[in-house]
Amino acid sequence: MGRRRGDGIFGPYPHRNRHRVELRSGAGKTRRESFATREAALKYIRDLRAELASGQRTIRVATEEYRAHLKAKGNKDGSINLLGPQWKA
């Protein structure tokens, strides 16, 4: 069994020819973001930590950004709407 890690922002880690940042939640979910350079990954981490510390990002804003991300990557509206009422902005 692998080592269990807590929630937080981890990285950047080398991944092939890119640099990966992992965002882990206490619910066991992991989201990975990939960057062309280590500097871009470090900037992302700094900006995200600053945003989280400021308290300016709300659930509504995060949900709207996630829906926009799904649409931009080509998910159909039906699958985006399957997120359910708890995800509606």
PDB file of N, CA and C in Angstrom:
ATOM      1  N   MET A   1       0.847  -1.183   0.000  1.00  0.00           N
ATOM      2  CA  MET A   1       0.000   0.000   0.000  1.00  0.00           C
ATOM      3  C   MET A   1       0.885   1.237   0.000  1.00  0.00           C
ATOM      4  N   GLY A   2       0.565   2.185  -0.862  1.00  0.00           N
ATOM      5  CA  GLY A   2       1.360   3.400  -0.988  1.00  0.00           C
ATOM      6  C   GLY A   2       1.174   4.332   0.188  1.00  0.00           C
ATOM      7  N   ARG A   3       2.073   5.268   0.282  1.00  0.00           N
ATOM      8  CA  ARG A   3       1.998   6.257   1.341  1.00  0.00           C
ATOM      9  C   ARG A   3       0.795   7.163   1.099  1.00  0.00           C
ATOM     10  N   ARG A   4       0.008   7.386   2.114  1.00  0.00           N
ATOM     11  CA  ARG A   4      -1.168   8.249   1.980  1.00  0.00           C
ATOM     12  C   ARG A   4      -0.750   9.690   2.232  1.00  0.00           C
ATOM     13  N   ARG A   5      -1.135  10.558   1.338  1.00  0.00           N
ATOM     14  CA  ARG A   5      -0.798  11.968   1.471  1.00  0.00           C
ATOM     15  C   ARG A   5      -2.068  12.757   1.736  1.00  0.00           C
ATOM     16  N   GLY A   6      -1.922  13.841   2.469  1.00  0.00           N
ATOM     17  CA  GLY A   6      -3.065  14.671   2.789  1.00  0.00           C
ATOM     18  C   GLY A   6      -3.436  15.610   1.668  1.00  0.00           C
ATOM     19  N   ASP A   7      -4.406  16.470   1.967  1.00  0.00           N
ATOM     20  CA  ASP A   7      -4.840  17.424   0.953  1.00  0.00           C
ATOM     21  C   ASP A   7      -3.852  18.576   0.865  1.00  0.00           C
ATOM     22  N   GLY A   8      -3.857  19.221  -0.290  1.00  0.00           N
ATOM     23  CA  GLY A   8      -2.974  20.357  -0.487  1.00  0.00           C
ATOM     24  C   GLY A   8      -2.518  20.481  -1.923  1.00  0.00           C
ATOM     25  N   ILE A   9      -1.528  21.329  -2.104  1.00  0.00           N
ATOM     26  CA  ILE A   9      -0.944  21.588  -3.418  1.00  0.00           C
ATOM     27  C   ILE A   9       0.470  21.002  -3.383  1.00  0.00           C
ATOM     28  N   PHE A  10       0.780  20.108  -4.324  1.00  0.00           N
ATOM     29  CA  PHE A  10       2.054  19.410  -4.319  1.00  0.00           C
ATOM     30  C   PHE A  10       2.757  19.556  -5.661  1.00  0.00           C
ATOM     31  N   GLY A  11       4.069  19.647  -5.615  1.00  0.00           N
ATOM     32  CA  GLY A  11       4.851  19.718  -6.829  1.00  0.00           C
ATOM     33  C   GLY A  11       5.668  20.984  -6.858  1.00  0.00           C
ATOM     34  N   PRO A  12       6.201  21.318  -8.002  1.00  0.00           N
ATOM     35  CA  PRO A  12       6.039  20.616  -9.273  1.00  0.00           C
ATOM     36  C   PRO A  12       6.931  19.372  -9.348  1.00  0.00           C
ATOM     37  N   TYR A  13       6.419  18.381 -10.059  1.00  0.00           N
ATOM     38  CA  TYR A  13       7.132  17.140 -10.302  1.00  0.00           C
ATOM     39  C   TYR A  13       7.427  17.034 -11.799  1.00  0.00           C
ATOM     40  N   PRO A  14       8.631  16.530 -12.147  1.00  0.00           N
ATOM     41  CA  PRO A  14       8.881  16.283 -13.575  1.00  0.00           C
ATOM     42  C   PRO A  14       7.948  15.181 -14.076  1.00  0.00           C
ATOM     43  N   HIS A  15       7.369  15.386 -15.226  1.00  0.00           N
ATOM     44  CA  HIS A  15       6.489  14.387 -15.828  1.00  0.00           C
ATOM     45  C   HIS A  15       6.713  14.433 -17.332  1.00  0.00           C
ATOM     46  N   ARG A  16       7.410  13.410 -17.827  1.00  0.00           N
ATOM     47  CA  ARG A  16       7.848  13.385 -19.225  1.00  0.00           C
ATOM     48  C   ARG A  16       8.641  14.646 -19.519  1.00  0.00           C
ATOM     49  N   ASN A  17       8.228  15.460 -20.463  1.00  0.00           N
ATOM     50  CA  ASN A  17       8.982  16.686 -20.751  1.00  0.00           C
ATOM     51  C   ASN A  17       8.273  17.917 -20.198  1.00  0.00           C
ATOM     52  N   ARG A  18       7.403  17.728 -19.202  1.00  0.00           N
ATOM     53  CA  ARG A  18       6.648  18.832 -18.608  1.00  0.00           C
ATOM     54  C   ARG A  18       6.812  18.801 -17.087  1.00  0.00           C
ATOM     55  N   HIS A  19       6.069  19.669 -16.406  1.00  0.00           N
ATOM     56  CA  HIS A  19       6.118  19.740 -14.949  1.00  0.00           C
ATOM     57  C   HIS A  19       4.690  19.691 -14.426  1.00  0.00           C
ATOM     58  N   ARG A  20       4.456  18.808 -13.472  1.00  0.00           N
ATOM     59  CA  ARG A  20       3.109  18.535 -12.998  1.00  0.00           C
ATOM     60  C   ARG A  20       2.908  19.075 -11.582  1.00  0.00           C
ATOM     61  N   VAL A  21       1.729  19.641 -11.360  1.00  0.00           N
ATOM     62  CA  VAL A  21       1.298  20.086 -10.034  1.00  0.00           C
ATOM     63  C   VAL A  21       0.069  19.261  -9.684  1.00  0.00           C
ATOM     64  N   GLU A  22       0.036  18.730  -8.458  1.00  0.00           N
ATOM     65  CA  GLU A  22      -1.114  17.942  -8.009  1.00  0.00           C
ATOM     66  C   GLU A  22      -1.883  18.718  -6.951  1.00  0.00           C
ATOM     67  N   LEU A  23      -3.200  18.745  -7.126  1.00  0.00           N
ATOM     68  CA  LEU A  23      -4.106  19.366  -6.172  1.00  0.00           C
ATOM     69  C   LEU A  23      -4.903  18.234  -5.554  1.00  0.00           C
ATOM     70  N   ARG A  24      -4.737  18.013  -4.250  1.00  0.00           N
ATOM     71  CA  ARG A  24      -5.412  16.896  -3.592  1.00  0.00           C
ATOM     72  C   ARG A  24      -6.416  17.405  -2.576  1.00  0.00           C
ATOM     73  N   SER A  25      -7.585  16.778  -2.571  1.00  0.00           N
ATOM     74  CA  SER A  25      -8.618  17.136  -1.599  1.00  0.00           C
ATOM     75  C   SER A  25      -8.635  16.103  -0.491  1.00  0.00           C
ATOM     76  N   GLY A  26      -9.223  16.463   0.631  1.00  0.00           N
ATOM     77  CA  GLY A  26      -9.351  15.529   1.737  1.00  0.00           C
ATOM     78  C   GLY A  26     -10.257  14.363   1.403  1.00  0.00           C
ATOM     79  N   ALA A  27     -11.050  14.469   0.342  1.00  0.00           N
ATOM     80  CA  ALA A  27     -11.975  13.408  -0.063  1.00  0.00           C
ATOM     81  C   ALA A  27     -11.290  12.362  -0.937  1.00  0.00           C
ATOM     82  N   GLY A  28      -9.977  12.456  -1.085  1.00  0.00           N
ATOM     83  CA  GLY A  28      -9.253  11.481  -1.880  1.00  0.00           C
ATOM     84  C   GLY A  28      -9.230  11.766  -3.370  1.00  0.00           C
ATOM     85  N   LYS A  29      -9.663  12.929  -3.778  1.00  0.00           N
ATOM     86  CA  LYS A  29      -9.655  13.317  -5.192  1.00  0.00           C
ATOM     87  C   LYS A  29      -8.346  14.038  -5.509  1.00  0.00           C
ATOM     88  N   THR A  30      -7.791  13.770  -6.684  1.00  0.00           N
ATOM     89  CA  THR A  30      -6.575  14.436  -7.126  1.00  0.00           C
ATOM     90  C   THR A  30      -6.794  15.020  -8.511  1.00  0.00           C
ATOM     91  N   ARG A  31      -6.428  16.275  -8.657  1.00  0.00           N
ATOM     92  CA  ARG A  31      -6.463  16.928  -9.963  1.00  0.00           C
ATOM     93  C   ARG A  31      -5.028  17.302 -10.313  1.00  0.00           C
ATOM     94  N   ARG A  32      -4.648  17.062 -11.540  1.00  0.00           N
ATOM     95  CA  ARG A  32      -3.287  17.352 -11.977  1.00  0.00           C
ATOM     96  C   ARG A  32      -3.298  18.415 -13.064  1.00  0.00           C
ATOM     97  N   GLU A  33      -2.387  19.353 -12.933  1.00  0.00           N
ATOM     98  CA  GLU A  33      -2.188  20.387 -13.950  1.00  0.00           C
ATOM     99  C   GLU A  33      -0.778  20.237 -14.483  1.00  0.00           C
ATOM    100  N   SER A  34      -0.596  20.441 -15.775  1.00  0.00           N
ATOM    101  CA  SER A  34       0.693  20.250 -16.416  1.00  0.00           C
ATOM    102  C   SER A  34       1.177  21.560 -17.034  1.00  0.00           C
ATOM    103  N   PHE A  35       2.476  21.831 -16.900  1.00  0.00           N
ATOM    104  CA  PHE A  35       3.056  23.080 -17.381  1.00  0.00           C
ATOM    105  C   PHE A  35       4.307  22.802 -18.195  1.00  0.00           C
ATOM    106  N   ALA A  36       4.576  23.667 -19.164  1.00  0.00           N
ATOM    107  CA  ALA A  36       5.736  23.490 -20.040  1.00  0.00           C
ATOM    108  C   ALA A  36       7.046  23.725 -19.293  1.00  0.00           C
ATOM    109  N   THR A  37       7.035  24.632 -18.316  1.00  0.00           N
ATOM    110  CA  THR A  37       8.268  24.935 -17.585  1.00  0.00           C
ATOM    111  C   THR A  37       8.041  24.832 -16.082  1.00  0.00           C
ATOM    112  N   ARG A  38       9.130  24.614 -15.372  1.00  0.00           N
ATOM    113  CA  ARG A  38       9.071  24.570 -13.905  1.00  0.00           C
ATOM    114  C   ARG A  38       8.650  25.935 -13.360  1.00  0.00           C
ATOM    115  N   GLU A  39       9.143  26.993 -13.974  1.00  0.00           N
ATOM    116  CA  GLU A  39       8.805  28.346 -13.525  1.00  0.00           C
ATOM    117  C   GLU A  39       7.308  28.617 -13.637  1.00  0.00           C
ATOM    118  N   ALA A  40       6.686  28.153 -14.729  1.00  0.00           N
ATOM    119  CA  ALA A  40       5.237  28.333 -14.894  1.00  0.00           C
ATOM    120  C   ALA A  40       4.473  27.558 -13.825  1.00  0.00           C
ATOM    121  N   ALA A  41       4.951  26.366 -13.501  1.00  0.00           N
ATOM    122  CA  ALA A  41       4.307  25.562 -12.463  1.00  0.00           C
ATOM    123  C   ALA A  41       4.433  26.245 -11.102  1.00  0.00           C
ATOM    124  N   LEU A  42       5.616  26.775 -10.806  1.00  0.00           N
ATOM    125  CA  LEU A  42       5.816  27.467  -9.529  1.00  0.00           C
ATOM    126  C   LEU A  42       4.960  28.728  -9.433  1.00  0.00           C
ATOM    127  N   LYS A  43       4.812  29.450 -10.545  1.00  0.00           N
ATOM    128  CA  LYS A  43       3.952  30.640 -10.559  1.00  0.00           C
ATOM    129  C   LYS A  43       2.502  30.249 -10.296  1.00  0.00           C
ATOM    130  N   TYR A  44       2.059  29.158 -10.914  1.00  0.00           N
ATOM    131  CA  TYR A  44       0.694  28.662 -10.701  1.00  0.00           C
ATOM    132  C   TYR A  44       0.483  28.353  -9.219  1.00  0.00           C
ATOM    133  N   ILE A  45       1.449  27.681  -8.594  1.00  0.00           N
ATOM    134  CA  ILE A  45       1.339  27.336  -7.178  1.00  0.00           C
ATOM    135  C   ILE A  45       1.269  28.602  -6.328  1.00  0.00           C
ATOM    136  N   ARG A  46       2.159  29.562  -6.590  1.00  0.00           N
ATOM    137  CA  ARG A  46       2.149  30.822  -5.825  1.00  0.00           C
ATOM    138  C   ARG A  46       0.821  31.544  -5.966  1.00  0.00           C
ATOM    139  N   ASP A  47       0.342  31.662  -7.215  1.00  0.00           N
ATOM    140  CA  ASP A  47      -0.918  32.367  -7.459  1.00  0.00           C
ATOM    141  C   ASP A  47      -2.089  31.662  -6.795  1.00  0.00           C
ATOM    142  N   LEU A  48      -2.126  30.340  -6.884  1.00  0.00           N
ATOM    143  CA  LEU A  48      -3.223  29.583  -6.284  1.00  0.00           C
ATOM    144  C   LEU A  48      -3.213  29.706  -4.766  1.00  0.00           C
ATOM    145  N   ARG A  49      -2.040  29.598  -4.157  1.00  0.00           N
ATOM    146  CA  ARG A  49      -1.951  29.740  -2.693  1.00  0.00           C
ATOM    147  C   ARG A  49      -2.372  31.137  -2.251  1.00  0.00           C
ATOM    148  N   ALA A  50      -1.975  32.161  -3.006  1.00  0.00           N
ATOM    149  CA  ALA A  50      -2.366  33.534  -2.670  1.00  0.00           C
ATOM    150  C   ALA A  50      -3.878  33.705  -2.783  1.00  0.00           C
ATOM    151  N   GLU A  51      -4.456  33.126  -3.835  1.00  0.00           N
ATOM    152  CA  GLU A  51      -5.902  33.226  -4.043  1.00  0.00           C
ATOM    153  C   GLU A  51      -6.664  32.520  -2.915  1.00  0.00           C
ATOM    154  N   LEU A  52      -6.189  31.343  -2.536  1.00  0.00           N
ATOM    155  CA  LEU A  52      -6.848  30.595  -1.461  1.00  0.00           C
ATOM    156  C   LEU A  52      -6.717  31.320  -0.130  1.00  0.00           C
ATOM    157  N   ALA A  53      -5.554  31.916   0.130  1.00  0.00           N
ATOM    158  CA  ALA A  53      -5.331  32.626   1.389  1.00  0.00           C
ATOM    159  C   ALA A  53      -6.173  33.893   1.485  1.00  0.00           C
ATOM    160  N   SER A  54      -6.464  34.510   0.340  1.00  0.00           N
ATOM    161  CA  SER A  54      -7.227  35.759   0.351  1.00  0.00           C
ATOM    162  C   SER A  54      -8.705  35.534   0.634  1.00  0.00           C
ATOM    163  N   GLY A  55      -9.181  34.313   0.391  1.00  0.00           N
ATOM    164  CA  GLY A  55     -10.599  34.036   0.608  1.00  0.00           C
ATOM    165  C   GLY A  55     -11.492  34.618  -0.465  1.00  0.00           C
ATOM    166  N   GLN A  56     -10.928  35.074  -1.562  1.00  0.00           N
ATOM    167  CA  GLN A  56     -11.707  35.708  -2.622  1.00  0.00           C
ATOM    168  C   GLN A  56     -12.395  34.730  -3.543  1.00  0.00           C
ATOM    169  N   ARG A  57     -11.953  33.500  -3.572  1.00  0.00           N
ATOM    170  CA  ARG A  57     -12.531  32.514  -4.494  1.00  0.00           C
ATOM    171  C   ARG A  57     -13.684  31.802  -3.800  1.00  0.00           C
ATOM    172  N   THR A  58     -14.851  31.916  -4.373  1.00  0.00           N
ATOM    173  CA  THR A  58     -16.030  31.296  -3.788  1.00  0.00           C
ATOM    174  C   THR A  58     -16.349  29.984  -4.502  1.00  0.00           C
ATOM    175  N   ILE A  59     -17.229  29.204  -3.905  1.00  0.00           N
ATOM    176  CA  ILE A  59     -17.680  27.959  -4.530  1.00  0.00           C
ATOM    177  C   ILE A  59     -18.323  28.266  -5.885  1.00  0.00           C
ATOM    178  N   ARG A  60     -19.098  29.329  -5.937  1.00  0.00           N
ATOM    179  CA  ARG A  60     -19.763  29.715  -7.188  1.00  0.00           C
ATOM    180  C   ARG A  60     -18.728  29.974  -8.281  1.00  0.00           C
ATOM    181  N   VAL A  61     -17.692  30.743  -7.978  1.00  0.00           N
ATOM    182  CA  VAL A  61     -16.659  31.061  -8.968  1.00  0.00           C
ATOM    183  C   VAL A  61     -15.936  29.780  -9.394  1.00  0.00           C
ATOM    184  N   ALA A  62     -15.575  28.935  -8.451  1.00  0.00           N
ATOM    185  CA  ALA A  62     -14.878  27.688  -8.781  1.00  0.00           C
ATOM    186  C   ALA A  62     -15.746  26.792  -9.655  1.00  0.00           C
ATOM    187  N   THR A  63     -17.033  26.722  -9.362  1.00  0.00           N
ATOM    188  CA  THR A  63     -17.951  25.897 -10.148  1.00  0.00           C
ATOM    189  C   THR A  63     -18.080  26.437 -11.573  1.00  0.00           C
ATOM    190  N   GLU A  64     -18.203  27.740 -11.716  1.00  0.00           N
ATOM    191  CA  GLU A  64     -18.305  28.342 -13.048  1.00  0.00           C
ATOM    192  C   GLU A  64     -17.030  28.091 -13.855  1.00  0.00           C
ATOM    193  N   GLU A  65     -15.875  28.190 -13.203  1.00  0.00           N
ATOM    194  CA  GLU A  65     -14.607  27.931 -13.888  1.00  0.00           C
ATOM    195  C   GLU A  65     -14.516  26.467 -14.320  1.00  0.00           C
ATOM    196  N   TYR A  66     -14.969  25.558 -13.468  1.00  0.00           N
ATOM    197  CA  TYR A  66     -14.914  24.133 -13.792  1.00  0.00           C
ATOM    198  C   TYR A  66     -15.832  23.813 -14.969  1.00  0.00           C
ATOM    199  N   ARG A  67     -17.026  24.371 -14.972  1.00  0.00           N
ATOM    200  CA  ARG A  67     -17.950  24.163 -16.092  1.00  0.00           C
ATOM    201  C   ARG A  67     -17.350  24.699 -17.396  1.00  0.00           C
ATOM    202  N   ALA A  68     -16.719  25.882 -17.330  1.00  0.00           N
ATOM    203  CA  ALA A  68     -16.080  26.456 -18.520  1.00  0.00           C
ATOM    204  C   ALA A  68     -14.933  25.568 -18.995  1.00  0.00           C
ATOM    205  N   HIS A  69     -14.189  25.006 -18.060  1.00  0.00           N
ATOM    206  CA  HIS A  69     -13.093  24.088 -18.398  1.00  0.00           C
ATOM    207  C   HIS A  69     -13.633  22.854 -19.120  1.00  0.00           C
ATOM    208  N   LEU A  70     -14.705  22.270 -18.594  1.00  0.00           N
ATOM    209  CA  LEU A  70     -15.292  21.086 -19.230  1.00  0.00           C
ATOM    210  C   LEU A  70     -15.772  21.397 -20.643  1.00  0.00           C
ATOM    211  N   LYS A  71     -16.403  22.557 -20.800  1.00  0.00           N
ATOM    212  CA  LYS A  71     -16.897  22.950 -22.129  1.00  0.00           C
ATOM    213  C   LYS A  71     -15.733  23.174 -23.091  1.00  0.00           C
ATOM    214  N   ALA A  72     -14.659  23.834 -22.611  1.00  0.00           N
ATOM    215  CA  ALA A  72     -13.494  24.113 -23.458  1.00  0.00           C
ATOM    216  C   ALA A  72     -12.787  22.831 -23.888  1.00  0.00           C
ATOM    217  N   LYS A  73     -12.819  21.803 -23.054  1.00  0.00           N
ATOM    218  CA  LYS A  73     -12.137  20.569 -23.442  1.00  0.00           C
ATOM    219  C   LYS A  73     -13.019  19.672 -24.292  1.00  0.00           C
ATOM    220  N   GLY A  74     -14.258  20.123 -24.552  1.00  0.00           N
ATOM    221  CA  GLY A  74     -15.096  19.422 -25.510  1.00  0.00           C
ATOM    222  C   GLY A  74     -16.200  18.560 -24.934  1.00  0.00           C
ATOM    223  N   ASN A  75     -16.410  18.603 -23.615  1.00  0.00           N
ATOM    224  CA  ASN A  75     -17.525  17.844 -23.045  1.00  0.00           C
ATOM    225  C   ASN A  75     -18.846  18.374 -23.579  1.00  0.00           C
ATOM    226  N   LYS A  76     -19.775  17.479 -23.791  1.00  0.00           N
ATOM    227  CA  LYS A  76     -21.100  17.883 -24.261  1.00  0.00           C
ATOM    228  C   LYS A  76     -21.894  18.477 -23.096  1.00  0.00           C
ATOM    229  N   ASP A  77     -22.834  19.353 -23.444  1.00  0.00           N
ATOM    230  CA  ASP A  77     -23.637  20.016 -22.410  1.00  0.00           C
ATOM    231  C   ASP A  77     -24.324  19.007 -21.495  1.00  0.00           C
ATOM    232  N   GLY A  78     -24.787  17.901 -22.056  1.00  0.00           N
ATOM    233  CA  GLY A  78     -25.467  16.892 -21.245  1.00  0.00           C
ATOM    234  C   GLY A  78     -24.585  16.339 -20.145  1.00  0.00           C
ATOM    235  N   SER A  79     -23.298  16.118 -20.441  1.00  0.00           N
ATOM    236  CA  SER A  79     -22.409  15.575 -19.416  1.00  0.00           C
ATOM    237  C   SER A  79     -22.042  16.635 -18.386  1.00  0.00           C
ATOM    238  N   ILE A  80     -21.961  17.874 -18.813  1.00  0.00           N
ATOM    239  CA  ILE A  80     -21.672  18.952 -17.861  1.00  0.00           C
ATOM    240  C   ILE A  80     -22.844  19.107 -16.903  1.00  0.00           C
ATOM    241  N   ASN A  81     -24.063  19.007 -17.431  1.00  0.00           N
ATOM    242  CA  ASN A  81     -25.251  19.151 -16.603  1.00  0.00           C
ATOM    243  C   ASN A  81     -25.466  17.958 -15.670  1.00  0.00           C
ATOM    244  N   LEU A  82     -24.792  16.847 -15.934  1.00  0.00           N
ATOM    245  CA  LEU A  82     -24.916  15.684 -15.061  1.00  0.00           C
ATOM    246  C   LEU A  82     -24.233  15.906 -13.714  1.00  0.00           C
ATOM    247  N   LEU A  83     -23.542  17.012 -13.580  1.00  0.00           N
ATOM    248  CA  LEU A  83     -22.883  17.304 -12.306  1.00  0.00           C
ATOM    249  C   LEU A  83     -23.898  17.412 -11.186  1.00  0.00           C
ATOM    250  N   GLY A  84     -25.128  17.672 -11.523  1.00  0.00           N
ATOM    251  CA  GLY A  84     -26.190  17.684 -10.540  1.00  0.00           C
ATOM    252  C   GLY A  84     -26.432  19.045  -9.920  1.00  0.00           C
ATOM    253  N   PRO A  85     -27.516  19.143  -9.175  1.00  0.00           N
ATOM    254  CA  PRO A  85     -27.901  20.433  -8.608  1.00  0.00           C
ATOM    255  C   PRO A  85     -26.885  20.975  -7.605  1.00  0.00           C
ATOM    256  N   GLN A  86     -26.145  20.101  -6.935  1.00  0.00           N
ATOM    257  CA  GLN A  86     -25.186  20.581  -5.965  1.00  0.00           C
ATOM    258  C   GLN A  86     -24.047  21.354  -6.624  1.00  0.00           C
ATOM    259  N   TRP A  87     -23.872  21.202  -7.952  1.00  0.00           N
ATOM    260  CA  TRP A  87     -22.825  21.882  -8.668  1.00  0.00           C
ATOM    261  C   TRP A  87     -23.308  23.112  -9.415  1.00  0.00           C
ATOM    262  N   LYS A  88     -24.588  23.331  -9.459  1.00  0.00           N
ATOM    263  CA  LYS A  88     -25.086  24.475 -10.229  1.00  0.00           C
ATOM    264  C   LYS A  88     -24.703  25.777  -9.561  1.00  0.00           C
ATOM    265  N   ALA A  89     -24.234  26.688 -10.389  1.00  0.00           N
ATOM    266  CA  ALA A  89     -23.791  27.979  -9.868  1.00  0.00           C
ATOM    267  C   ALA A  89     -24.962  28.871  -9.557  1.00  0.00           C
TER     268      ALA A  89
END
